[in-house]
PDB file of N, CA and C in Angstrom:
ATOM      1  N   MET A   1     -62.671 148.904-129.477  1.00  0.00           N
ATOM      2  CA  MET A   1     -62.674 147.634-128.764  1.00  0.00           C
ATOM      3  C   MET A   1     -64.105 147.202-128.512  1.00  0.00           C
ATOM      4  N   ALA A   2     -64.340 145.937-128.608  1.00  0.00           N
ATOM      5  CA  ALA A   2     -65.648 145.369-128.336  1.00  0.00           C
ATOM      6  C   ALA A   2     -65.892 145.307-126.832  1.00  0.00           C
ATOM      7  N   ASP A   3     -67.160 145.300-126.461  1.00  0.00           N
ATOM      8  CA  ASP A   3     -67.515 145.248-125.043  1.00  0.00           C
ATOM      9  C   ASP A   3     -67.306 143.875-124.429  1.00  0.00           C
ATOM     10  N   THR A   4     -67.339 142.851-125.243  1.00  0.00           N
ATOM     11  CA  THR A   4     -67.175 141.491-124.729  1.00  0.00           C
ATOM     12  C   THR A   4     -66.188 140.729-125.607  1.00  0.00           C
ATOM     13  N   TRP A   5     -65.631 139.665-125.044  1.00  0.00           N
ATOM     14  CA  TRP A   5     -64.725 138.842-125.839  1.00  0.00           C
ATOM     15  C   TRP A   5     -65.448 138.263-127.042  1.00  0.00           C
ATOM     16  N   ARG A   6     -66.696 137.906-126.900  1.00  0.00           N
ATOM     17  CA  ARG A   6     -67.437 137.318-128.023  1.00  0.00           C
ATOM     18  C   ARG A   6     -67.445 138.262-129.226  1.00  0.00           C
ATOM     19  N   ASP A   7     -67.682 139.539-128.972  1.00  0.00           N
ATOM     20  CA  ASP A   7     -67.679 140.516-130.061  1.00  0.00           C
ATOM     21  C   ASP A   7     -66.265 140.710-130.622  1.00  0.00           C
ATOM     22  N   GLU A   8     -65.296 140.789-129.739  1.00  0.00           N
ATOM     23  CA  GLU A   8     -63.909 140.963-130.170  1.00  0.00           C
ATOM     24  C   GLU A   8     -63.429 139.744-130.961  1.00  0.00           C
ATOM     25  N   GLU A   9     -63.840 138.588-130.521  1.00  0.00           N
ATOM     26  CA  GLU A   9     -63.437 137.368-131.213  1.00  0.00           C
ATOM     27  C   GLU A   9     -63.901 137.383-132.665  1.00  0.00           C
ATOM     28  N   GLN A  10     -65.081 137.911-132.909  1.00  0.00           N
ATOM     29  CA  GLN A  10     -65.570 137.962-134.288  1.00  0.00           C
ATOM     30  C   GLN A  10     -64.660 138.824-135.150  1.00  0.00           C
ATOM     31  N   TYR A  11     -64.183 139.923-134.598  1.00  0.00           N
ATOM     32  CA  TYR A  11     -63.234 140.763-135.329  1.00  0.00           C
ATOM     33  C   TYR A  11     -62.012 139.945-135.732  1.00  0.00           C
ATOM     34  N   TRP A  12     -61.441 139.198-134.788  1.00  0.00           N
ATOM     35  CA  TRP A  12     -60.224 138.441-135.080  1.00  0.00           C
ATOM     36  C   TRP A  12     -60.489 137.290-136.041  1.00  0.00           C
ATOM     37  N   ARG A  13     -61.620 136.634-135.917  1.00  0.00           N
ATOM     38  CA  ARG A  13     -61.968 135.581-136.881  1.00  0.00           C
ATOM     39  C   ARG A  13     -62.001 136.136-138.298  1.00  0.00           C
ATOM     40  N   ASP A  14     -62.544 137.337-138.421  1.00  0.00           N
ATOM     41  CA  ASP A  14     -62.688 137.954-139.740  1.00  0.00           C
ATOM     42  C   ASP A  14     -61.382 138.538-140.273  1.00  0.00           C
ATOM     43  N   ASN A  15     -60.437 138.869-139.395  1.00  0.00           N
ATOM     44  CA  ASN A  15     -59.264 139.623-139.811  1.00  0.00           C
ATOM     45  C   ASN A  15     -57.907 138.981-139.558  1.00  0.00           C
ATOM     46  N   PHE A  16     -57.848 137.879-138.837  1.00  0.00           N
ATOM     47  CA  PHE A  16     -56.541 137.322-138.472  1.00  0.00           C
ATOM     48  C   PHE A  16     -55.677 137.027-139.697  1.00  0.00           C
ATOM     49  N   ASN A  17     -56.298 136.574-140.771  1.00  0.00           N
ATOM     50  CA  ASN A  17     -55.511 136.170-141.934  1.00  0.00           C
ATOM     51  C   ASN A  17     -54.926 137.350-142.713  1.00  0.00           C
ATOM     52  N   THR A  18     -55.233 138.581-142.298  1.00  0.00           N
ATOM     53  CA  THR A  18     -54.631 139.754-142.923  1.00  0.00           C
ATOM     54  C   THR A  18     -53.347 140.168-142.217  1.00  0.00           C
ATOM     55  N   ARG A  19     -53.014 139.507-141.130  1.00  0.00           N
ATOM     56  CA  ARG A  19     -51.845 139.855-140.334  1.00  0.00           C
ATOM     57  C   ARG A  19     -50.619 139.101-140.832  1.00  0.00           C
ATOM     58  N   PRO A  20     -49.489 139.795-140.963  1.00  0.00           N
ATOM     59  CA  PRO A  20     -48.288 139.122-141.487  1.00  0.00           C
ATOM     60  C   PRO A  20     -47.841 137.930-140.646  1.00  0.00           C
ATOM     61  N   TYR A  21     -47.984 137.998-139.346  1.00  0.00           N
ATOM     62  CA  TYR A  21     -47.551 136.895-138.477  1.00  0.00           C
ATOM     63  C   TYR A  21     -48.458 135.675-138.579  1.00  0.00           C
ATOM     64  N   ALA A  22     -49.618 135.818-139.199  1.00  0.00           N
ATOM     65  CA  ALA A  22     -50.573 134.709-139.282  1.00  0.00           C
ATOM     66  C   ALA A  22     -50.312 133.786-140.469  1.00  0.00           C
ATOM     67  N   ARG A  23     -49.393 134.145-141.326  1.00  0.00           N
ATOM     68  CA  ARG A  23     -49.089 133.280-142.474  1.00  0.00           C
ATOM     69  C   ARG A  23     -48.679 131.904-141.986  1.00  0.00           C
ATOM     70  N   GLY A  24     -49.334 130.899-142.506  1.00  0.00           N
ATOM     71  CA  GLY A  24     -49.021 129.525-142.126  1.00  0.00           C
ATOM     72  C   GLY A  24     -49.707 129.071-140.848  1.00  0.00           C
ATOM     73  N   SER A  25     -50.485 129.945-140.232  1.00  0.00           N
ATOM     74  CA  SER A  25     -51.226 129.582-139.011  1.00  0.00           C
ATOM     75  C   SER A  25     -52.709 129.542-139.313  1.00  0.00           C
ATOM     76  N   ASN A  26     -53.434 128.930-138.415  1.00  0.00           N
ATOM     77  CA  ASN A  26     -54.884 128.977-138.533  1.00  0.00           C
ATOM     78  C   ASN A  26     -55.456 129.688-137.312  1.00  0.00           C
ATOM     79  N   TYR A  27     -56.721 130.051-137.392  1.00  0.00           N
ATOM     80  CA  TYR A  27     -57.325 130.814-136.301  1.00  0.00           C
ATOM     81  C   TYR A  27     -57.271 130.055-134.983  1.00  0.00           C
ATOM     82  N   ASP A  28     -57.476 128.766-135.017  1.00  0.00           N
ATOM     83  CA  ASP A  28     -57.483 127.991-133.774  1.00  0.00           C
ATOM     84  C   ASP A  28     -56.144 128.073-133.034  1.00  0.00           C
ATOM     85  N   THR A  29     -55.049 128.165-133.764  1.00  0.00           N
ATOM     86  CA  THR A  29     -53.738 128.288-133.129  1.00  0.00           C
ATOM     87  C   THR A  29     -53.574 129.653-132.458  1.00  0.00           C
ATOM     88  N   LEU A  30     -54.099 130.699-133.092  1.00  0.00           N
ATOM     89  CA  LEU A  30     -53.895 132.060-132.616  1.00  0.00           C
ATOM     90  C   LEU A  30     -54.981 132.573-131.677  1.00  0.00           C
ATOM     91  N   SER A  31     -56.132 131.948-131.663  1.00  0.00           N
ATOM     92  CA  SER A  31     -57.285 132.498-130.930  1.00  0.00           C
ATOM     93  C   SER A  31     -57.014 132.713-129.444  1.00  0.00           C
ATOM     94  N   GLY A  32     -56.325 131.790-128.802  1.00  0.00           N
ATOM     95  CA  GLY A  32     -56.009 131.969-127.388  1.00  0.00           C
ATOM     96  C   GLY A  32     -55.141 133.188-127.160  1.00  0.00           C
ATOM     97  N   GLY A  33     -54.242 133.442-128.084  1.00  0.00           N
ATOM     98  CA  GLY A  33     -53.387 134.623-127.990  1.00  0.00           C
ATOM     99  C   GLY A  33     -54.182 135.905-128.098  1.00  0.00           C
ATOM    100  N   TYR A  34     -55.139 135.928-129.008  1.00  0.00           N
ATOM    101  CA  TYR A  34     -55.980 137.121-129.136  1.00  0.00           C
ATOM    102  C   TYR A  34     -56.761 137.375-127.847  1.00  0.00           C
ATOM    103  N   ARG A  35     -57.310 136.332-127.293  1.00  0.00           N
ATOM    104  CA  ARG A  35     -58.068 136.494-126.053  1.00  0.00           C
ATOM    105  C   ARG A  35     -57.162 136.927-124.901  1.00  0.00           C
ATOM    106  N   TYR A  36     -55.993 136.365-124.844  1.00  0.00           N
ATOM    107  CA  TYR A  36     -55.031 136.698-123.800  1.00  0.00           C
ATOM    108  C   TYR A  36     -54.650 138.183-123.884  1.00  0.00           C
ATOM    109  N   GLY A  37     -54.392 138.661-125.079  1.00  0.00           N
ATOM    110  CA  GLY A  37     -54.061 140.072-125.264  1.00  0.00           C
ATOM    111  C   GLY A  37     -55.217 140.987-124.921  1.00  0.00           C
ATOM    112  N   TYR A  38     -56.411 140.584-125.302  1.00  0.00           N
ATOM    113  CA  TYR A  38     -57.622 141.334-124.988  1.00  0.00           C
ATOM    114  C   TYR A  38     -57.789 141.457-123.474  1.00  0.00           C
ATOM    115  N   GLU A  39     -57.630 140.357-122.773  1.00  0.00           N
ATOM    116  CA  GLU A  39     -57.785 140.363-121.315  1.00  0.00           C
ATOM    117  C   GLU A  39     -56.619 141.084-120.627  1.00  0.00           C
ATOM    118  N   ALA A  40     -55.426 140.999-121.191  1.00  0.00           N
ATOM    119  CA  ALA A  40     -54.254 141.646-120.595  1.00  0.00           C
ATOM    120  C   ALA A  40     -54.409 143.161-120.570  1.00  0.00           C
ATOM    121  N   ALA A  41     -55.062 143.710-121.571  1.00  0.00           N
ATOM    122  CA  ALA A  41     -55.258 145.159-121.605  1.00  0.00           C
ATOM    123  C   ALA A  41     -56.063 145.630-120.394  1.00  0.00           C
ATOM    124  N   ASP A  42     -56.966 144.806-119.932  1.00  0.00           N
ATOM    125  CA  ASP A  42     -57.762 145.134-118.749  1.00  0.00           C
ATOM    126  C   ASP A  42     -56.971 144.882-117.462  1.00  0.00           C
ATOM    127  N   ARG A  43     -56.153 143.843-117.461  1.00  0.00           N
ATOM    128  CA  ARG A  43     -55.366 143.488-116.265  1.00  0.00           C
ATOM    129  C   ARG A  43     -54.209 144.440-116.006  1.00  0.00           C
ATOM    130  N   TYR A  44     -53.696 145.046-117.053  1.00  0.00           N
ATOM    131  CA  TYR A  44     -52.525 145.917-116.929  1.00  0.00           C
ATOM    132  C   TYR A  44     -52.823 147.316-117.489  1.00  0.00           C
ATOM    133  N   PRO A  45     -53.802 148.004-116.948  1.00  0.00           N
ATOM    134  CA  PRO A  45     -54.184 149.310-117.513  1.00  0.00           C
ATOM    135  C   PRO A  45     -53.051 150.336-117.382  1.00  0.00           C
ATOM    136  N   GLY A  46     -52.863 151.078-118.453  1.00  0.00           N
ATOM    137  CA  GLY A  46     -51.882 152.152-118.438  1.00  0.00           C
ATOM    138  C   GLY A  46     -50.431 151.728-118.537  1.00  0.00           C
ATOM    139  N   GLN A  47     -50.168 150.433-118.641  1.00  0.00           N
ATOM    140  CA  GLN A  47     -48.778 149.972-118.723  1.00  0.00           C
ATOM    141  C   GLN A  47     -48.357 149.801-120.176  1.00  0.00           C
ATOM    142  N   ALA A  48     -47.074 149.943-120.400  1.00  0.00           N
ATOM    143  CA  ALA A  48     -46.503 149.742-121.729  1.00  0.00           C
ATOM    144  C   ALA A  48     -46.276 148.250-121.968  1.00  0.00           C
ATOM    145  N   TRP A  49     -46.288 147.853-123.239  1.00  0.00           N
ATOM    146  CA  TRP A  49     -46.063 146.456-123.601  1.00  0.00           C
ATOM    147  C   TRP A  49     -44.756 145.935-123.004  1.00  0.00           C
ATOM    148  N   ASP A  50     -43.715 146.729-123.080  1.00  0.00           N
ATOM    149  CA  ASP A  50     -42.417 146.291-122.551  1.00  0.00           C
ATOM    150  C   ASP A  50     -42.457 145.998-121.055  1.00  0.00           C
ATOM    151  N   GLU A  51     -43.379 146.596-120.354  1.00  0.00           N
ATOM    152  CA  GLU A  51     -43.516 146.371-118.909  1.00  0.00           C
ATOM    153  C   GLU A  51     -44.232 145.061-118.584  1.00  0.00           C
ATOM    154  N   ILE A  52     -45.054 144.591-119.509  1.00  0.00           N
ATOM    155  CA  ILE A  52     -45.886 143.411-119.210  1.00  0.00           C
ATOM    156  C   ILE A  52     -45.515 142.162-119.978  1.00  0.00           C
ATOM    157  N   GLU A  53     -44.738 142.290-121.024  1.00  0.00           N
ATOM    158  CA  GLU A  53     -44.463 141.142-121.896  1.00  0.00           C
ATOM    159  C   GLU A  53     -43.881 139.950-121.142  1.00  0.00           C
ATOM    160  N   GLN A  54     -42.921 140.174-120.262  1.00  0.00           N
ATOM    161  CA  GLN A  54     -42.324 139.046-119.531  1.00  0.00           C
ATOM    162  C   GLN A  54     -43.353 138.356-118.634  1.00  0.00           C
ATOM    163  N   ASP A  55     -44.235 139.126-118.002  1.00  0.00           N
ATOM    164  CA  ASP A  55     -45.284 138.532-117.166  1.00  0.00           C
ATOM    165  C   ASP A  55     -46.223 137.673-118.011  1.00  0.00           C
ATOM    166  N   LEU A  56     -46.587 138.199-119.170  1.00  0.00           N
ATOM    167  CA  LEU A  56     -47.486 137.444-120.039  1.00  0.00           C
ATOM    168  C   LEU A  56     -46.834 136.152-120.530  1.00  0.00           C
ATOM    169  N   GLU A  57     -45.583 136.242-120.920  1.00  0.00           N
ATOM    170  CA  GLU A  57     -44.876 135.037-121.363  1.00  0.00           C
ATOM    171  C   GLU A  57     -44.796 134.010-120.235  1.00  0.00           C
ATOM    172  N   ARG A  58     -44.450 134.462-119.052  1.00  0.00           N
ATOM    173  CA  ARG A  58     -44.321 133.567-117.893  1.00  0.00           C
ATOM    174  C   ARG A  58     -45.656 132.865-117.584  1.00  0.00           C
ATOM    175  N   ASP A  59     -46.750 133.584-117.705  1.00  0.00           N
ATOM    176  CA  ASP A  59     -48.053 133.049-117.318  1.00  0.00           C
ATOM    177  C   ASP A  59     -48.801 132.329-118.446  1.00  0.00           C
ATOM    178  N   TRP A  60     -48.270 132.371-119.656  1.00  0.00           N
ATOM    179  CA  TRP A  60     -48.974 131.785-120.806  1.00  0.00           C
ATOM    180  C   TRP A  60     -49.327 130.314-120.589  1.00  0.00           C
ATOM    181  N   ASP A  61     -48.419 129.524-120.082  1.00  0.00           N
ATOM    182  CA  ASP A  61     -48.663 128.083-119.950  1.00  0.00           C
ATOM    183  C   ASP A  61     -49.742 127.747-118.937  1.00  0.00           C
ATOM    184  N   THR A  62     -50.136 128.691-118.109  1.00  0.00           N
ATOM    185  CA  THR A  62     -51.214 128.444-117.140  1.00  0.00           C
ATOM    186  C   THR A  62     -52.503 129.151-117.531  1.00  0.00           C
ATOM    187  N   TYR A  63     -52.498 129.848-118.660  1.00  0.00           N
ATOM    188  CA  TYR A  63     -53.704 130.550-119.120  1.00  0.00           C
ATOM    189  C   TYR A  63     -54.731 129.523-119.582  1.00  0.00           C
ATOM    190  N   PRO A  64     -55.946 129.553-119.021  1.00  0.00           N
ATOM    191  CA  PRO A  64     -56.915 128.493-119.311  1.00  0.00           C
ATOM    192  C   PRO A  64     -57.444 128.465-120.748  1.00  0.00           C
ATOM    193  N   HIS A  65     -57.311 129.551-121.501  1.00  0.00           N
ATOM    194  CA  HIS A  65     -57.846 129.600-122.872  1.00  0.00           C
ATOM    195  C   HIS A  65     -56.742 129.557-123.919  1.00  0.00           C
ATOM    196  N   ARG A  66     -55.566 129.056-123.552  1.00  0.00           N
ATOM    197  CA  ARG A  66     -54.416 129.120-124.456  1.00  0.00           C
ATOM    198  C   ARG A  66     -54.523 128.177-125.648  1.00  0.00           C
ATOM    199  N   GLY A  67     -55.321 127.156-125.562  1.00  0.00           N
ATOM    200  CA  GLY A  67     -55.396 126.208-126.665  1.00  0.00           C
ATOM    201  C   GLY A  67     -54.078 125.479-126.824  1.00  0.00           C
ATOM    202  N   ARG A  68     -53.715 125.196-128.066  1.00  0.00           N
ATOM    203  CA  ARG A  68     -52.493 124.427-128.329  1.00  0.00           C
ATOM    204  C   ARG A  68     -51.306 125.298-128.708  1.00  0.00           C
ATOM    205  N   GLY A  69     -51.522 126.585-128.862  1.00  0.00           N
ATOM    206  CA  GLY A  69     -50.440 127.456-129.299  1.00  0.00           C
ATOM    207  C   GLY A  69     -49.390 127.677-128.224  1.00  0.00           C
ATOM    208  N   THR A  70     -48.135 127.647-128.630  1.00  0.00           N
ATOM    209  CA  THR A  70     -47.043 127.967-127.717  1.00  0.00           C
ATOM    210  C   THR A  70     -46.899 129.482-127.661  1.00  0.00           C
ATOM    211  N   TRP A  71     -46.161 129.974-126.676  1.00  0.00           N
ATOM    212  CA  TRP A  71     -45.938 131.415-126.592  1.00  0.00           C
ATOM    213  C   TRP A  71     -45.299 131.929-127.880  1.00  0.00           C
ATOM    214  N   GLN A  72     -44.326 131.212-128.409  1.00  0.00           N
ATOM    215  CA  GLN A  72     -43.667 131.642-129.638  1.00  0.00           C
ATOM    216  C   GLN A  72     -44.655 131.741-130.800  1.00  0.00           C
ATOM    217  N   GLN A  73     -45.632 130.857-130.844  1.00  0.00           N
ATOM    218  CA  GLN A  73     -46.621 130.874-131.920  1.00  0.00           C
ATOM    219  C   GLN A  73     -47.617 132.014-131.774  1.00  0.00           C
ATOM    220  N   VAL A  74     -47.935 132.415-130.557  1.00  0.00           N
ATOM    221  CA  VAL A  74     -49.020 133.372-130.344  1.00  0.00           C
ATOM    222  C   VAL A  74     -48.591 134.757-129.881  1.00  0.00           C
ATOM    223  N   LYS A  75     -47.335 134.953-129.553  1.00  0.00           N
ATOM    224  CA  LYS A  75     -46.947 136.225-128.927  1.00  0.00           C
ATOM    225  C   LYS A  75     -47.282 137.439-129.789  1.00  0.00           C
ATOM    226  N   ASP A  76     -47.164 137.324-131.114  1.00  0.00           N
ATOM    227  CA  ASP A  76     -47.530 138.458-131.963  1.00  0.00           C
ATOM    228  C   ASP A  76     -49.042 138.690-131.962  1.00  0.00           C
ATOM    229  N   ALA A  77     -49.813 137.630-131.854  1.00  0.00           N
ATOM    230  CA  ALA A  77     -51.267 137.768-131.764  1.00  0.00           C
ATOM    231  C   ALA A  77     -51.662 138.416-130.436  1.00  0.00           C
ATOM    232  N   VAL A  78     -50.978 138.030-129.362  1.00  0.00           N
ATOM    233  CA  VAL A  78     -51.235 138.640-128.050  1.00  0.00           C
ATOM    234  C   VAL A  78     -50.976 140.134-128.144  1.00  0.00           C
ATOM    235  N   ARG A  79     -49.838 140.486-128.698  1.00  0.00           N
ATOM    236  CA  ARG A  79     -49.472 141.904-128.824  1.00  0.00           C
ATOM    237  C   ARG A  79     -50.460 142.643-129.715  1.00  0.00           C
ATOM    238  N   ASP A  80     -50.863 142.032-130.787  1.00  0.00           N
ATOM    239  CA  ASP A  80     -51.790 142.665-131.723  1.00  0.00           C
ATOM    240  C   ASP A  80     -53.123 142.971-131.034  1.00  0.00           C
ATOM    241  N   ALA A  81     -53.648 141.996-130.297  1.00  0.00           N
ATOM    242  CA  ALA A  81     -54.914 142.211-129.588  1.00  0.00           C
ATOM    243  C   ALA A  81     -54.751 143.259-128.495  1.00  0.00           C
ATOM    244  N   TRP A  82     -53.647 143.205-127.772  1.00  0.00           N
ATOM    245  CA  TRP A  82     -53.374 144.192-126.729  1.00  0.00           C
ATOM    246  C   TRP A  82     -53.290 145.596-127.333  1.00  0.00           C
ATOM    247  N   ASP A  83     -52.583 145.714-128.457  1.00  0.00           N
ATOM    248  CA  ASP A  83     -52.478 147.004-129.146  1.00  0.00           C
ATOM    249  C   ASP A  83     -53.850 147.511-129.578  1.00  0.00           C
ATOM    250  N   ARG A  84     -54.666 146.631-130.091  1.00  0.00           N
ATOM    251  CA  ARG A  84     -56.004 147.032-130.547  1.00  0.00           C
ATOM    252  C   ARG A  84     -56.836 147.566-129.386  1.00  0.00           C
ATOM    253  N   VAL A  85     -56.815 146.878-128.264  1.00  0.00           N
ATOM    254  CA  VAL A  85     -57.617 147.280-127.108  1.00  0.00           C
ATOM    255  C   VAL A  85     -57.094 148.585-126.505  1.00  0.00           C
ATOM    256  N   THR A  86     -55.782 148.720-126.452  1.00  0.00           N
ATOM    257  CA  THR A  86     -55.199 149.905-125.818  1.00  0.00           C
ATOM    258  C   THR A  86     -55.080 151.090-126.774  1.00  0.00           C
ATOM    259  N   GLY A  87     -55.398 150.860-128.047  1.00  0.00           N
ATOM    260  CA  GLY A  87     -55.344 151.938-129.027  1.00  0.00           C
ATOM    261  C   GLY A  87     -53.964 152.206-129.590  1.00  0.00           C
ATOM    262  N   ARG A  88     -53.046 151.293-129.348  1.00  0.00           N
ATOM    263  CA  ARG A  88     -51.695 151.441-129.879  1.00  0.00           C
ATOM    264  C   ARG A  88     -51.578 150.664-131.184  1.00  0.00           C
ATOM    265  N   THR A  89     -50.628 151.051-132.010  1.00  0.00           N
ATOM    266  CA  THR A  89     -50.348 150.286-133.223  1.00  0.00           C
ATOM    267  C   THR A  89     -48.849 150.071-133.312  1.00  0.00           C
ATOM    268  N   THR A  90     -48.471 148.992-133.923  1.00  0.00           N
ATOM    269  CA  THR A  90     -47.061 148.690-134.135  1.00  0.00           C
ATOM    270  C   THR A  90     -46.889 148.206-135.567  1.00  0.00           C
ATOM    271  N   ALA A  91     -45.673 148.144-136.003  1.00  0.00           N
ATOM    272  CA  ALA A  91     -45.390 147.737-137.378  1.00  0.00           C
ATOM    273  C   ALA A  91     -45.891 146.333-137.682  1.00  0.00           C
ATOM    274  N   HIS A  92     -45.887 145.433-136.707  1.00  0.00           N
ATOM    275  CA  HIS A  92     -46.267 144.044-136.992  1.00  0.00           C
ATOM    276  C   HIS A  92     -47.776 143.862-137.182  1.00  0.00           C
ATOM    277  N   ASN A  93     -48.586 144.846-136.813  1.00  0.00           N
ATOM    278  CA  ASN A  93     -50.037 144.631-136.954  1.00  0.00           C
ATOM    279  C   ASN A  93     -50.687 145.602-137.924  1.00  0.00           C
ATOM    280  N   ARG A  94     -49.918 146.250-138.740  1.00  0.00           N
ATOM    281  CA  ARG A  94     -50.511 147.157-139.742  1.00  0.00           C
ATOM    282  C   ARG A  94     -50.853 146.411-140.993  1.00  0.00           C
TER     283      ARG A  94
END
């Protein structure tokens, strides 16, 4: 994990298009989701994705960096970034 969002963002800019869920999307649509997942890992330390997903979905519309993406459009990006920061991997981000 990068020390700052700026460093982490560069990773996602360079790699988002390798993710299966990114087909048909552009970075601008997904970028807020990546940042949200990155920040969520710090806000919910030690918790499992299943424990936090509903909170993240509920709060997405008030997240200041969400951009234009809806929760449905970005939820896999949020999970992918969260998995990367927490050191977890799932089938959707391999």
